Protein backbone atom coordinates (compact mmCIF):
# COMPACT_ATOMS: atom_id res chain seq x y z
CA MET A 1 123.19 88.33 93.39
CA ALA A 2 123.25 87.75 89.71
CA TYR A 3 122.55 84.07 89.86
CA LEU A 4 118.82 83.86 89.37
CA PHE A 5 117.98 84.38 85.72
CA ARG A 6 120.30 83.80 82.77
CA ASN A 7 118.48 85.39 79.90
CA LEU A 8 116.54 88.58 79.31
CA LEU A 9 113.14 86.98 78.77
CA VAL A 10 113.13 85.16 82.08
CA ALA A 11 114.37 88.29 83.84
CA LEU A 12 111.57 90.43 82.46
CA LEU A 13 108.85 87.92 83.26
CA GLY A 14 110.20 86.59 86.54
CA PHE A 15 111.24 89.74 88.32
CA ALA A 16 107.99 91.50 87.47
CA SER A 17 106.14 89.06 89.69
CA ILE A 18 108.82 88.94 92.38
CA PHE A 19 109.10 92.62 93.16
CA THR A 20 105.59 93.94 92.65
CA ALA A 21 104.76 92.78 96.17
CA VAL A 22 106.21 95.07 98.81
CA PRO A 23 108.16 93.27 101.57
CA GLN A 24 106.23 92.67 104.79
CA ASP A 25 107.48 93.37 108.30
CA CYS A 26 109.79 90.65 109.65
CA PRO A 27 108.09 88.84 112.56
CA GLY A 28 110.06 88.62 115.80
CA LEU A 29 112.50 91.40 114.88
CA SER A 30 112.77 94.91 116.30
CA LEU A 31 115.19 97.75 115.67
CA LYS A 32 115.93 100.72 117.96
CA ALA A 33 118.40 103.60 117.85
CA LYS A 34 120.21 105.83 120.31
CA VAL A 35 122.15 109.02 119.54
CA ARG A 36 124.87 110.65 121.65
CA PRO A 37 125.07 113.51 122.36
CA SER A 38 121.32 113.99 122.61
CA ALA A 39 119.34 116.00 120.08
CA LYS A 40 118.93 118.75 122.68
CA ARG A 41 122.69 119.27 122.97
CA GLY A 42 123.68 118.60 119.36
CA ILE A 43 127.16 118.62 117.78
CA LEU A 44 129.25 121.43 116.34
CA ALA A 45 129.32 121.66 112.53
CA GLY A 46 132.74 120.87 111.06
CA LYS A 47 134.18 119.61 114.36
CA GLY A 48 131.61 117.67 116.32
CA GLN A 49 131.11 113.92 116.31
CA ALA A 50 128.03 111.87 117.11
CA ARG A 51 127.84 108.24 118.17
CA LEU A 52 124.96 106.23 116.77
CA ALA A 53 123.99 102.89 118.30
CA PHE A 54 121.43 100.61 116.64
CA THR A 55 120.15 97.51 118.44
CA LEU A 56 118.65 94.71 116.36
CA THR A 57 116.74 92.21 118.52
CA SER A 58 115.41 88.82 117.46
CA LYS A 59 113.11 86.58 119.50
CA GLU A 60 113.98 83.45 117.55
CA PRO A 61 116.78 81.97 115.42
CA VAL A 62 117.14 83.57 112.02
CA ASP A 63 119.84 83.68 109.38
CA ASN A 64 120.56 85.49 106.14
CA LEU A 65 119.79 88.90 107.61
CA GLU A 66 121.22 92.14 106.29
CA PHE A 67 121.32 95.53 108.00
CA GLN A 68 121.37 98.86 106.16
CA LEU A 69 122.11 102.31 107.57
CA ASN A 70 121.35 105.46 105.58
CA LEU A 71 123.37 108.56 106.44
CA PRO A 72 122.01 111.84 105.02
CA ASN A 73 124.11 114.41 103.20
CA GLY A 74 125.98 116.33 105.90
CA LEU A 75 127.28 113.35 107.88
CA SER A 76 130.42 111.35 107.08
CA VAL A 77 131.56 108.02 108.53
CA GLU A 78 134.43 108.01 111.01
CA ARG A 79 134.27 104.46 112.37
CA THR A 80 131.94 101.44 112.39
CA ALA A 81 131.62 98.37 114.60
CA MET A 82 129.27 95.46 115.26
CA ARG A 83 128.92 93.69 118.63
CA PRO A 84 129.27 90.81 119.05
CA SER A 85 131.78 90.70 116.22
CA PRO A 86 131.11 88.19 113.44
CA LYS A 87 133.42 85.20 113.01
CA PRO A 88 135.19 85.35 110.67
CA PHE A 89 135.26 89.15 110.84
CA THR A 90 133.93 90.97 107.76
CA SER A 91 133.89 94.73 107.29
CA PRO A 92 130.63 96.40 106.29
CA GLU A 93 130.09 97.60 102.74
CA ILE A 94 130.09 101.41 102.50
CA VAL A 95 128.59 103.10 99.44
CA LYS A 96 128.90 106.86 98.90
CA ASN A 97 126.17 108.14 96.58
CA ALA A 98 126.46 111.07 94.21
CA ASP A 99 123.92 113.09 96.21
CA GLY A 100 126.14 113.01 99.29
CA THR A 101 124.25 110.30 101.15
CA THR A 102 126.12 107.28 102.50
CA LEU A 103 124.84 103.72 102.77
CA ILE A 104 126.42 101.18 105.12
CA TYR A 105 125.60 97.46 104.80
CA TRP A 106 126.28 94.61 107.18
CA LEU A 107 125.70 91.31 105.38
CA ASN A 108 125.07 87.68 106.38
CA ILE A 109 123.89 88.35 109.94
CA ALA A 110 122.59 85.34 111.88
CA PHE A 111 120.97 84.69 115.26
CA THR A 112 121.76 81.05 116.09
CA LYS A 113 120.47 80.76 119.65
CA SER A 114 117.02 79.30 120.31
CA LYS A 115 115.80 82.57 121.83
CA GLY A 116 117.41 84.77 119.21
CA GLY A 117 119.59 87.54 120.61
CA LYS A 118 120.86 91.03 119.92
CA ARG A 119 123.28 92.72 117.52
CA ARG A 120 124.55 96.23 118.15
CA PHE A 121 125.80 98.38 115.30
CA ARG A 122 127.87 101.39 116.31
CA ILE A 123 128.83 104.24 114.02
CA LYS A 124 130.79 107.38 114.76
CA VAL A 125 129.97 110.21 112.36
CA ASN A 126 131.31 113.70 111.69
CA ALA A 127 129.14 116.70 110.90
CA ASP A 128 130.19 118.64 107.80
CA GLU A 129 130.78 122.39 108.06
CA CYS A 130 127.60 123.16 106.13
CA ALA A 131 125.45 120.34 107.47
CA PRO A 132 121.73 121.11 107.96
CA ALA A 133 120.57 121.84 111.50
CA THR A 134 118.53 118.63 111.71
CA LEU A 135 119.63 115.33 110.19
CA GLY A 136 117.57 112.15 110.23
CA VAL A 137 119.43 108.84 110.14
CA ASP A 138 117.37 105.92 108.90
CA ALA A 139 118.07 102.20 109.14
CA PHE A 140 116.35 98.89 108.54
CA ALA A 141 117.06 95.17 108.61
CA TYR A 142 115.87 92.82 105.92
CA ALA A 143 115.79 89.07 105.46
CA VAL A 144 117.07 87.81 102.12
CA ASN A 145 115.99 84.69 100.29
CA ALA A 146 116.72 83.46 96.78
CA THR A 147 114.56 86.12 95.19
CA GLY A 148 115.70 89.15 97.20
CA ALA A 149 114.33 90.93 100.25
CA SER A 150 111.46 88.92 101.72
CA CYS A 151 110.72 91.10 104.76
CA ILE A 152 111.87 94.41 106.19
CA THR A 153 112.12 95.63 109.80
CA PRO A 154 112.16 99.45 109.90
CA LEU A 155 113.59 101.57 112.67
CA ALA A 156 111.04 102.01 115.47
CA LYS A 157 111.98 105.66 115.92
CA SER A 158 114.26 107.64 113.62
CA ALA A 159 117.64 108.75 114.94
CA ILE A 160 117.98 112.55 114.92
CA VAL A 161 121.33 114.36 114.90
CA ARG A 162 121.18 118.07 115.75
CA VAL A 163 123.90 120.36 114.41
CA ARG A 164 125.08 123.58 116.11
CA TYR A 165 127.08 126.38 114.49
CA SER A 166 129.66 128.82 115.76
CA THR A 167 128.62 132.48 115.83
CA HIS A 168 129.50 133.41 112.24
CA GLN A 169 130.34 130.04 110.82
CA LYS A 170 127.34 129.24 108.67
CA ALA A 171 126.87 132.77 107.35
CA THR A 172 130.49 133.13 106.23
CA THR A 173 131.39 129.68 104.96
CA CYS A 174 128.20 128.13 103.63
CA ALA A 175 126.85 129.46 100.38
CA PRO A 176 123.31 128.53 99.34
CA THR A 177 123.14 125.31 97.39
CA PRO A 178 122.40 126.13 93.75
CA ALA A 179 119.28 124.64 92.26
CA PRO A 180 120.06 121.45 90.35
CA THR A 181 120.06 121.79 86.59
CA ILE A 182 118.99 119.17 84.10
CA ASN A 183 121.51 118.25 81.45
CA PRO A 184 119.60 116.93 78.41
CA MET A 185 122.75 115.07 77.39
CA GLU A 186 122.51 113.09 80.65
CA PRO A 187 118.82 112.17 80.91
CA PHE A 188 119.46 109.63 83.69
CA VAL A 189 121.82 109.68 86.65
CA LEU A 190 123.39 107.04 88.88
CA VAL A 191 121.80 107.20 92.34
CA GLY A 192 122.69 103.80 93.81
CA GLU A 193 125.89 102.06 92.80
CA GLY A 194 126.01 98.46 94.00
CA GLN A 195 122.30 98.49 94.83
CA ARG A 196 118.94 97.36 93.46
CA PHE A 197 115.24 97.66 94.26
CA SER A 198 113.82 95.82 97.25
CA GLN A 199 110.29 96.42 96.00
CA GLY A 200 108.44 98.00 93.13
CA GLY A 201 105.15 99.58 92.22
CA ARG A 202 105.26 98.65 88.55
CA LEU A 203 108.05 96.76 86.82
CA ALA A 204 108.95 95.43 83.38
CA PRO A 205 107.75 93.78 81.23
CA PHE A 206 105.24 96.18 79.73
CA GLN A 207 102.81 95.14 77.04
CA ASP A 208 101.42 98.50 76.02
CA ARG A 209 103.78 100.67 73.97
CA ARG A 210 107.04 98.88 73.24
CA LEU A 211 105.73 95.39 72.53
CA SER A 212 104.12 94.76 69.16
CA VAL A 213 101.30 92.43 70.22
CA PRO A 214 98.53 91.87 67.64
CA PRO A 215 95.16 93.41 68.64
CA GLY A 216 92.78 90.99 70.28
CA SER A 217 95.48 88.53 71.30
CA ASN A 218 94.99 86.84 74.65
CA ARG A 219 97.41 86.88 77.59
CA GLN A 220 99.08 83.63 76.54
CA GLY A 221 99.67 85.00 73.06
CA ALA A 222 101.11 88.21 74.44
CA LEU A 223 103.55 86.34 76.66
CA ALA A 224 104.56 84.07 73.81
CA ALA A 225 105.26 87.13 71.67
CA LEU A 226 107.93 88.22 74.15
CA SER A 227 110.14 85.34 73.09
CA ARG A 228 110.03 86.30 69.40
CA THR A 229 112.57 89.01 68.70
CA ARG A 230 110.73 90.16 65.58
CA ASP A 231 107.76 91.17 67.74
CA ARG A 232 109.86 93.56 69.79
CA ARG A 233 110.75 97.02 68.54
CA LEU A 234 113.70 96.96 70.93
CA GLN A 235 115.82 94.04 69.79
CA SER A 236 117.90 93.65 72.93
CA ILE A 237 118.59 95.31 76.27
CA ASP A 238 122.33 94.96 76.71
CA THR A 239 123.38 98.38 78.03
CA PRO A 240 122.12 100.84 80.67
CA GLU A 241 121.31 103.24 77.82
CA ALA A 242 119.06 100.65 76.18
CA CYS A 243 117.44 99.96 79.56
CA TYR A 244 116.77 103.70 79.90
CA VAL A 245 115.07 103.76 76.48
CA TYR A 246 112.96 100.70 77.24
CA CYS A 247 111.80 101.95 80.64
CA SER A 248 111.13 105.47 79.36
CA LEU A 249 108.84 104.33 76.58
CA ASN A 250 106.89 102.01 78.84
CA ALA A 251 106.81 103.81 82.15
CA GLY A 252 103.77 105.97 81.62
CA GLU A 253 103.68 109.62 82.65
CA ALA A 254 105.19 109.39 86.15
CA THR A 255 108.61 111.05 86.29
CA PRO A 256 111.18 110.93 87.57
CA PHE A 257 111.35 107.17 87.92
CA TYR A 258 114.04 104.57 88.38
CA PHE A 259 115.57 101.66 86.55
CA SER A 260 118.04 99.06 87.77
CA TRP A 261 120.77 97.52 85.63
CA ASN A 262 122.52 94.21 86.39
CA THR A 263 126.05 94.41 85.02
CA VAL A 264 126.64 90.64 85.04
CA THR A 265 123.51 89.27 83.37
CA SER A 266 122.48 92.43 81.46
CA GLN A 267 119.08 92.50 83.12
CA CYS A 268 116.91 95.61 83.00
CA PHE A 269 114.29 96.37 85.66
CA CYS A 270 111.99 99.41 85.53
CA CYS A 271 110.23 100.79 88.57
CA ILE A 272 107.51 103.40 89.11
CA GLY A 273 105.83 104.20 92.40
CA VAL A 274 107.38 102.57 95.46
CA CYS A 275 110.97 101.69 94.50
CA THR A 276 112.73 102.20 97.81
CA PRO A 277 114.45 101.25 99.97
CA PHE A 278 117.33 100.05 97.81
CA ILE A 279 119.24 97.03 99.04
CA PHE A 280 122.83 95.91 98.53
CA ASP A 281 123.69 94.08 95.31
CA PRO A 282 127.26 94.51 94.03
CA ASP A 283 126.24 93.32 90.55
CA SER A 284 123.59 96.03 90.09
CA SER A 285 123.18 99.79 90.04
CA VAL A 286 120.10 102.02 90.29
CA TYR A 287 119.59 104.99 87.97
CA GLU A 288 117.07 107.83 88.19
CA VAL A 289 115.45 108.99 84.96
CA ILE A 290 115.24 112.79 84.91
CA VAL A 291 114.20 113.33 81.29
CA PRO A 292 112.28 110.34 79.86
CA LYS A 293 112.79 109.47 76.24
CA THR A 294 109.75 109.94 74.01
CA LEU A 295 108.61 107.91 71.05
CA PRO A 296 110.03 109.03 67.69
CA PRO A 297 107.37 110.83 65.63
CA THR A 298 107.93 108.54 62.68
CA MET A 299 106.95 105.26 64.28
CA GLN A 300 103.14 105.33 64.29
CA PRO A 301 102.01 108.50 62.55
CA THR A 302 103.19 107.12 59.20
CA ALA A 303 100.81 104.21 59.28
CA ALA A 304 97.74 106.22 60.30
CA PRO A 305 97.31 108.36 57.15
CA THR A 306 97.63 105.41 54.75
CA MET A 307 94.74 103.43 56.23
CA ALA A 308 91.77 105.66 57.05
CA PRO A 309 92.15 108.80 54.91
CA THR A 310 92.44 106.91 51.59
CA ALA A 311 89.31 104.88 52.09
CA ALA A 312 87.19 107.70 53.50
CA PRO A 313 86.86 109.86 50.34
CA THR A 314 85.68 106.98 48.13
CA MET A 315 82.89 105.74 50.39
CA ALA A 316 81.38 108.54 52.46
CA PRO A 317 81.41 111.77 50.43
CA THR A 318 78.85 110.65 47.84
CA ALA A 319 76.29 109.43 50.31
CA ALA A 320 76.84 112.12 52.95
CA PRO A 321 75.18 115.08 51.19
CA THR A 322 71.96 113.19 50.47
CA MET A 323 71.41 111.36 53.76
CA ALA A 324 73.16 112.84 56.77
CA PRO A 325 72.50 116.59 56.44
CA THR A 326 68.72 116.16 56.17
CA ALA A 327 68.44 113.99 59.25
CA ALA A 328 70.99 115.83 61.39
CA PRO A 329 69.01 119.02 62.16
CA THR A 330 65.93 117.11 63.31
CA MET A 331 67.62 114.50 65.50
CA ALA A 332 70.85 115.72 67.09
CA PRO A 333 69.88 119.20 68.33
CA THR A 334 66.80 117.93 70.16
CA ALA A 335 68.70 115.21 72.02
CA ALA A 336 71.76 117.31 72.91
CA PRO A 337 70.24 119.35 75.78
CA THR A 338 69.11 116.21 77.60
CA MET A 339 72.55 114.57 77.45
CA ALA A 340 74.93 117.40 78.35
CA PRO A 341 73.92 118.06 81.97
CA THR A 342 74.73 114.48 82.96
CA ILE A 343 78.28 114.81 81.63
CA GLN A 344 78.74 118.17 83.37
CA ARG A 345 77.60 116.86 86.74
CA SER A 346 80.31 114.18 86.79
CA GLY A 347 82.82 116.86 87.77
CA SER A 348 80.86 118.73 90.43
CA ILE A 349 80.36 119.22 94.17
CA SER A 350 77.68 117.41 96.17
CA THR A 351 76.49 118.22 99.69
CA SER A 352 74.43 116.41 102.31
CA THR A 353 72.83 117.67 105.54
CA ASP A 354 71.57 114.31 106.81
CA THR A 355 74.74 112.25 107.28
CA GLY A 356 74.84 111.20 103.63
CA VAL A 357 71.32 109.85 103.15
CA SER A 358 70.36 112.46 100.54
CA TRP A 359 72.61 114.55 98.31
CA THR A 360 72.34 117.80 96.32
CA THR A 361 74.57 118.56 93.35
CA ARG A 362 76.25 121.97 93.44
CA LEU A 363 78.34 124.01 91.02
CA ASP A 364 77.73 121.74 88.02
CA ASP A 365 77.68 124.50 85.39
CA VAL A 366 80.86 123.20 83.73
CA PRO A 367 82.93 120.05 84.32
CA ARG A 368 85.93 120.56 86.59
CA ASN A 369 88.65 118.31 87.98
CA TRP A 370 87.98 118.84 91.67
CA SER A 371 90.79 117.36 93.75
CA SER A 372 90.06 118.24 97.40
CA ILE A 373 87.49 119.80 99.72
CA ALA A 374 87.65 121.01 103.34
CA SER A 375 84.99 121.98 105.87
CA SER A 376 84.66 124.12 108.99
CA SER A 377 83.45 122.41 112.17
CA ASP A 378 79.83 123.51 111.62
CA GLY A 379 79.88 122.56 107.93
CA MET A 380 78.85 126.04 106.81
CA SER A 381 82.22 127.22 105.46
CA LEU A 382 83.62 125.06 102.67
CA ALA A 383 86.70 125.37 100.48
CA ALA A 384 87.49 123.25 97.41
CA VAL A 385 90.30 123.21 94.86
CA VAL A 386 90.44 122.32 91.18
CA ASN A 387 93.46 120.57 89.71
CA GLY A 388 94.29 122.91 86.85
CA GLY A 389 91.82 125.55 88.02
CA SER A 390 90.98 127.82 90.95
CA ILE A 391 90.11 127.73 94.62
CA TRP A 392 86.39 128.03 95.41
CA THR A 393 84.75 128.92 98.75
CA SER A 394 81.25 128.79 100.22
CA THR A 395 79.79 130.25 103.43
CA ASP A 396 76.33 128.65 103.25
CA ALA A 397 77.09 124.92 103.40
CA GLY A 398 77.73 124.73 99.66
CA ILE A 399 74.56 126.33 98.30
CA SER A 400 76.45 129.17 96.61
CA TRP A 401 80.13 129.36 95.67
CA THR A 402 82.72 132.08 94.98
CA GLU A 403 85.75 131.57 92.74
CA GLN A 404 88.82 133.00 94.48
CA THR A 405 90.99 134.10 91.56
CA ALA A 406 93.72 135.80 93.64
CA PRO A 407 96.04 132.76 93.91
CA GLY A 408 95.56 131.94 90.22
CA SER A 409 94.89 128.79 88.25
CA ARG A 410 97.23 126.03 89.42
CA SER A 411 97.54 122.28 89.93
CA TRP A 412 95.85 122.48 93.33
CA TYR A 413 95.91 119.08 95.01
CA SER A 414 94.75 119.43 98.62
CA ILE A 415 93.21 122.00 100.97
CA ALA A 416 92.74 122.20 104.75
CA SER A 417 90.66 124.45 106.98
CA SER A 418 90.61 125.65 110.58
CA SER A 419 87.49 124.87 112.62
CA ASP A 420 86.02 128.34 112.02
CA GLY A 421 86.86 128.31 108.30
CA THR A 422 88.90 131.53 108.37
CA LYS A 423 92.35 129.99 108.07
CA LEU A 424 92.93 127.94 104.91
CA ALA A 425 96.00 126.21 103.51
CA ALA A 426 96.34 124.61 100.08
CA VAL A 427 99.16 122.82 98.25
CA VAL A 428 100.10 122.77 94.58
CA ASN A 429 101.43 119.56 93.06
CA GLY A 430 104.67 120.67 91.45
CA GLY A 431 104.52 124.06 93.18
CA SER A 432 104.35 125.56 96.67
CA ILE A 433 102.03 126.06 99.66
CA TRP A 434 99.49 128.89 99.87
CA THR A 435 97.74 130.19 103.00
CA SER A 436 94.80 132.49 103.73
CA THR A 437 93.63 134.08 106.99
CA ASP A 438 90.41 135.66 105.67
CA ALA A 439 88.43 132.61 104.54
CA GLY A 440 90.08 132.51 101.11
CA ILE A 441 89.72 136.10 99.90
CA SER A 442 93.46 136.85 99.89
CA TRP A 443 96.33 134.37 99.68
CA THR A 444 100.07 134.28 100.45
CA GLU A 445 102.51 131.90 98.79
CA ARG A 446 104.71 130.01 101.25
CA LEU A 447 107.76 127.78 100.88
CA ASP A 448 108.33 128.94 97.30
CA ASP A 449 112.08 128.24 97.25
CA GLU A 450 111.49 125.28 94.94
CA SER A 451 108.70 123.24 93.40
CA ARG A 452 107.70 120.07 95.22
CA SER A 453 105.19 117.28 94.60
CA TRP A 454 102.84 118.28 97.42
CA TYR A 455 100.05 115.73 97.83
CA SER A 456 98.14 116.49 101.03
CA ILE A 457 97.87 119.03 103.85
CA ALA A 458 96.22 118.93 107.29
CA SER A 459 95.43 121.60 109.88
CA SER A 460 94.86 121.86 113.62
CA SER A 461 91.51 123.29 114.73
CA ASP A 462 92.96 126.78 115.28
CA GLY A 463 94.77 126.70 111.93
CA MET A 464 98.16 127.42 113.52
CA LYS A 465 99.70 123.96 113.19
CA LEU A 466 99.92 122.62 109.64
CA ALA A 467 101.42 119.43 108.23
CA ALA A 468 101.94 118.65 104.54
CA VAL A 469 103.43 115.71 102.67
CA VAL A 470 105.62 115.60 99.58
CA ASN A 471 105.25 112.51 97.43
CA GLY A 472 108.68 110.88 97.22
CA LEU A 473 110.27 113.19 99.83
CA TYR A 474 109.54 114.28 103.40
CA ILE A 475 106.79 115.64 105.63
CA TRP A 476 106.84 119.36 106.47
CA THR A 477 105.27 121.05 109.51
CA SER A 478 104.46 124.61 110.56
CA THR A 479 103.47 126.06 113.94
CA ASP A 480 102.65 129.61 112.80
CA ALA A 481 99.82 129.10 110.29
CA GLY A 482 102.25 128.39 107.46
CA VAL A 483 104.56 131.42 107.73
CA THR A 484 107.61 129.23 108.41
CA TRP A 485 108.10 125.53 107.74
CA THR A 486 110.33 122.70 109.01
CA GLU A 487 111.28 119.68 106.93
CA GLN A 488 110.89 116.64 109.17
CA THR A 489 113.63 114.40 107.81
CA ALA A 490 112.80 111.77 110.42
CA SER A 491 109.75 110.97 108.29
CA THR A 492 112.13 109.65 105.56
CA ASN A 493 111.58 110.17 101.85
CA LEU A 494 108.67 107.93 100.86
CA ASN A 495 105.60 108.06 98.62
CA TRP A 496 103.42 110.01 101.07
CA VAL A 497 99.89 110.57 99.73
CA SER A 498 97.70 111.72 102.64
CA ILE A 499 98.02 113.17 106.15
CA ALA A 500 95.60 113.81 109.03
CA SER A 501 95.90 115.81 112.24
CA SER A 502 94.34 115.90 115.69
CA SER A 503 92.65 119.13 116.79
CA ASP A 504 95.72 120.33 118.68
CA GLY A 505 98.14 119.29 115.92
CA THR A 506 100.11 116.99 118.23
CA ASN A 507 99.00 113.63 116.85
CA LEU A 508 99.64 113.18 113.14
CA ALA A 509 99.08 110.18 110.89
CA ALA A 510 100.14 109.79 107.27
CA VAL A 511 99.85 107.02 104.70
CA ILE A 512 102.35 105.82 102.12
CA TYR A 513 101.15 104.37 98.83
CA GLY A 514 102.60 100.87 98.54
CA PHE A 515 103.97 100.81 102.10
CA VAL A 516 102.69 101.31 105.65
CA ILE A 517 100.98 103.92 107.83
CA SER A 518 103.20 106.24 109.85
CA SER A 519 102.18 108.12 113.00
CA SER A 520 103.65 110.84 115.19
CA THR A 521 102.71 111.95 118.70
CA ASP A 522 105.05 114.96 118.88
CA SER A 523 103.80 117.18 116.05
CA GLY A 524 105.93 115.44 113.44
CA LEU A 525 109.37 115.37 115.06
CA THR A 526 109.49 111.56 115.21
CA TRP A 527 107.57 108.95 113.22
CA THR A 528 106.71 105.28 113.73
CA GLY A 529 105.62 102.82 111.06
CA ARG A 530 102.28 101.13 111.73
CA GLY A 531 99.87 98.76 110.01
CA THR A 532 100.50 96.54 107.02
CA THR A 533 101.79 97.24 103.55
CA GLN A 534 98.92 98.43 101.34
CA ASN A 535 98.21 100.89 98.54
CA TRP A 536 96.95 103.44 101.06
CA SER A 537 95.20 106.45 99.52
CA SER A 538 93.70 108.52 102.38
CA ILE A 539 93.53 108.82 106.17
CA ALA A 540 91.25 110.68 108.62
CA SER A 541 91.52 111.43 112.34
CA SER A 542 89.23 112.14 115.27
CA SER A 543 89.70 115.29 117.34
CA ASN A 544 92.04 113.67 119.87
CA GLY A 545 93.89 111.61 117.27
CA SER A 546 93.14 108.28 118.92
CA SER A 547 90.53 107.13 116.38
CA LEU A 548 91.88 106.83 112.85
CA ALA A 549 90.40 105.54 109.59
CA ALA A 550 92.29 104.84 106.38
CA VAL A 551 91.34 103.54 102.95
CA VAL A 552 93.18 101.43 100.39
CA ASP A 553 93.04 101.97 96.65
CA GLY A 554 91.75 98.63 95.40
CA GLY A 555 91.40 97.28 98.94
CA SER A 556 89.50 97.73 102.21
CA ILE A 557 88.79 100.31 104.88
CA TRP A 558 90.89 100.04 108.06
CA THR A 559 90.26 101.60 111.49
CA SER A 560 92.26 102.14 114.68
CA THR A 561 91.24 103.25 118.18
CA ASP A 562 94.72 103.49 119.77
CA VAL A 563 96.47 106.30 117.87
CA GLY A 564 97.32 103.92 115.04
CA ILE A 565 99.18 101.27 117.03
CA SER A 566 96.82 98.46 115.96
CA TRP A 567 94.50 98.32 112.96
CA THR A 568 91.31 96.40 112.07
CA GLU A 569 90.31 95.65 108.49
CA ARG A 570 86.65 96.43 107.80
CA THR A 571 85.63 94.05 105.04
CA ALA A 572 81.88 94.82 105.04
CA PRO A 573 81.99 97.47 102.28
CA GLY A 574 84.25 95.26 100.19
CA SER A 575 87.38 95.88 98.15
CA ARG A 576 86.98 99.07 96.12
CA SER A 577 88.90 101.97 94.59
CA TRP A 578 88.63 104.09 97.73
CA ASN A 579 89.89 107.64 97.18
CA SER A 580 89.17 109.59 100.36
CA ILE A 581 87.75 109.28 103.87
CA ALA A 582 86.47 111.81 106.45
CA SER A 583 85.70 111.57 110.16
CA SER A 584 83.51 113.31 112.72
CA LEU A 585 85.02 114.91 115.82
CA ASP A 586 84.57 111.80 117.97
CA GLY A 587 85.49 109.35 115.21
CA THR A 588 82.18 107.48 115.28
CA LYS A 589 80.78 108.85 112.01
CA LEU A 590 82.81 108.14 108.90
CA ALA A 591 82.27 108.81 105.19
CA ALA A 592 84.34 107.43 102.32
CA VAL A 593 84.20 107.87 98.55
CA VAL A 594 84.86 105.45 95.70
CA ASN A 595 86.38 106.35 92.36
CA GLY A 596 83.77 105.13 89.88
CA GLY A 597 81.31 104.20 92.64
CA PHE A 598 79.16 105.61 95.42
CA ILE A 599 79.68 107.30 98.78
CA TRP A 600 79.64 105.04 101.85
CA THR A 601 78.91 106.06 105.47
CA SER A 602 79.30 104.50 108.91
CA ALA A 603 77.76 105.55 112.24
CA ASP A 604 79.67 103.12 114.48
CA ALA A 605 83.33 103.99 113.87
CA GLY A 606 83.56 101.78 110.79
CA VAL A 607 82.10 98.52 112.08
CA THR A 608 79.14 98.61 109.67
CA TRP A 609 78.76 100.58 106.44
CA THR A 610 75.90 101.82 104.24
CA GLU A 611 76.21 102.45 100.50
CA GLN A 612 74.50 105.79 99.85
CA THR A 613 73.22 105.28 96.31
CA ALA A 614 71.53 108.70 96.35
CA SER A 615 75.01 110.19 95.96
CA GLY A 616 75.22 108.82 92.44
CA GLU A 617 77.92 106.73 90.84
CA ARG A 618 80.78 109.10 89.99
CA ASN A 619 84.53 109.55 90.03
CA TRP A 620 84.50 110.74 93.64
CA PHE A 621 87.86 112.16 94.67
CA SER A 622 87.58 113.82 98.11
CA ILE A 623 85.13 114.20 100.99
CA ALA A 624 84.89 116.45 104.08
CA SER A 625 82.75 116.29 107.21
CA SER A 626 81.46 118.68 109.86
CA SER A 627 82.45 117.98 113.47
CA ASN A 628 79.18 116.13 114.21
CA GLY A 629 79.25 114.19 110.93
CA THR A 630 75.87 115.51 109.81
CA ASN A 631 77.01 117.87 107.06
CA LEU A 632 79.09 116.26 104.32
CA ALA A 633 80.60 117.67 101.13
CA ALA A 634 82.27 115.68 98.37
CA VAL A 635 83.88 116.48 95.02
CA ALA A 636 84.07 114.40 91.86
CA GLN A 637 86.36 114.61 88.86
CA ASP A 638 85.29 114.68 85.24
CA PRO A 639 87.26 112.26 83.02
CA SER A 640 86.55 114.41 79.96
CA VAL A 641 88.47 117.40 81.33
């Protein structure tokens, strides 16, 4: 697949536009899986074998299809087959990754009949001696055109392989896996040999740090500058190491991230955000950047001192003593007190007791980066977290607040509450999960075996069932108020950003930034992809889980009344930077917040919306609702913090 672009410039410009759009679902295609023996029976570690059968069905003729199967670490391939067999027969491509996962590709699949047909892919796998107890096998089919994957059909329901152990087998033969160490001499690692991105959140070229574009130049001038080697600090990108340098210095702050290197045409592609799934390309390989390269300290700091400091002493010092000091005491101090409170309030809490019509600012003494807020069913007990600060609680609907210093100052990212407000659970981005059973007075750290990029957490009404998402990895669930946790590998490792739960914790719904919505009706054991590909940012659920509402960053609000099976785009409030959404118990009253805008409310399950200008125009980040939708509480971040 190295036949598209023949020089670096075209690759950087062309592929940026090709892959920034995430592939859509393939119409007319469906994919199902069956596992034998069943998950209830399981297979014996080290000896047992499982048979996986995947059925790809098409309702119409289609060609140029490819099928990919992802085996997790712990399963090894014994035998593969496809029925009916292709003519001429071609074996699938099998790629063993360094992390122990195995990828199997069937290429050039076609349905030639007028009504389509079926293809069955059969795989016999062995369970390793130290395989995890639950293994999720993922698969998808994708249609390929001249530019790569044009659509993807995910597995309707993940295939789960359960592993059993003999009496003393796991305790005696399986040592704990040591925590991975970072070798600074190897800042990037190969994670996908013979593969490339099928999609991307942000790709080269970048025009911010590595490209020397004159200030004030327009877009045409910036693009023209790409073709002039003298305007590029990086003269060429002809090795994976050079690709690593280029992507590191232009990727922003998100790490780890990926880059793809084409060995035939020496093309470098950088990707941040949604970079998976990878697809087969024998001419390419995907690398993960663990330690990004930073700019050398001698590149820009040298120029800064020679421009401003030399001129400053000759002009300002003489005039400054005679003019500025006299005026300063009379003008600045008087104006300062009237300006400061406005800046402080931008990172505060606001509450409403009339469904969002009027708002009162709370806890605006100092600016804080509030990241999440949760409410009890009556709206009286509130809990909010500060990213880089503490957890705060209120028992009087937000009038007064108490800083709970016991769990410490951390990168708190999300918090959830039981209906009575006594059981709380909060997650730390780059840390662990913390729980409280006394309304936030004392806290216990959970799942502290390693740091994870926790993004969101949801709770059942009794606080016993919890569900939390890790950005870039899996969804975790708990049935004992957070004491023990289960990693739901069937959810697959994606860029999860928000999760919502029904009152009983059975129906769950989560959103993936740059992909689709996923729902579960069995407390997180199995997951099904729903909706369309969007930059989803938040999701909310009614008490029974049938009514859902989700928002898109830079897009619309979407609603569902059938447990997420079908979705309706609500265009009335327009396309905005929606950050969070909350729902009443019955799903009829909704409230959503805009980053850099106002709070919006709906009283008819999202059909019509009202912009509540009394809330003020702020960097709203999270919102919570009482069960009747009357009491609302929202938090805003302060950009100066």
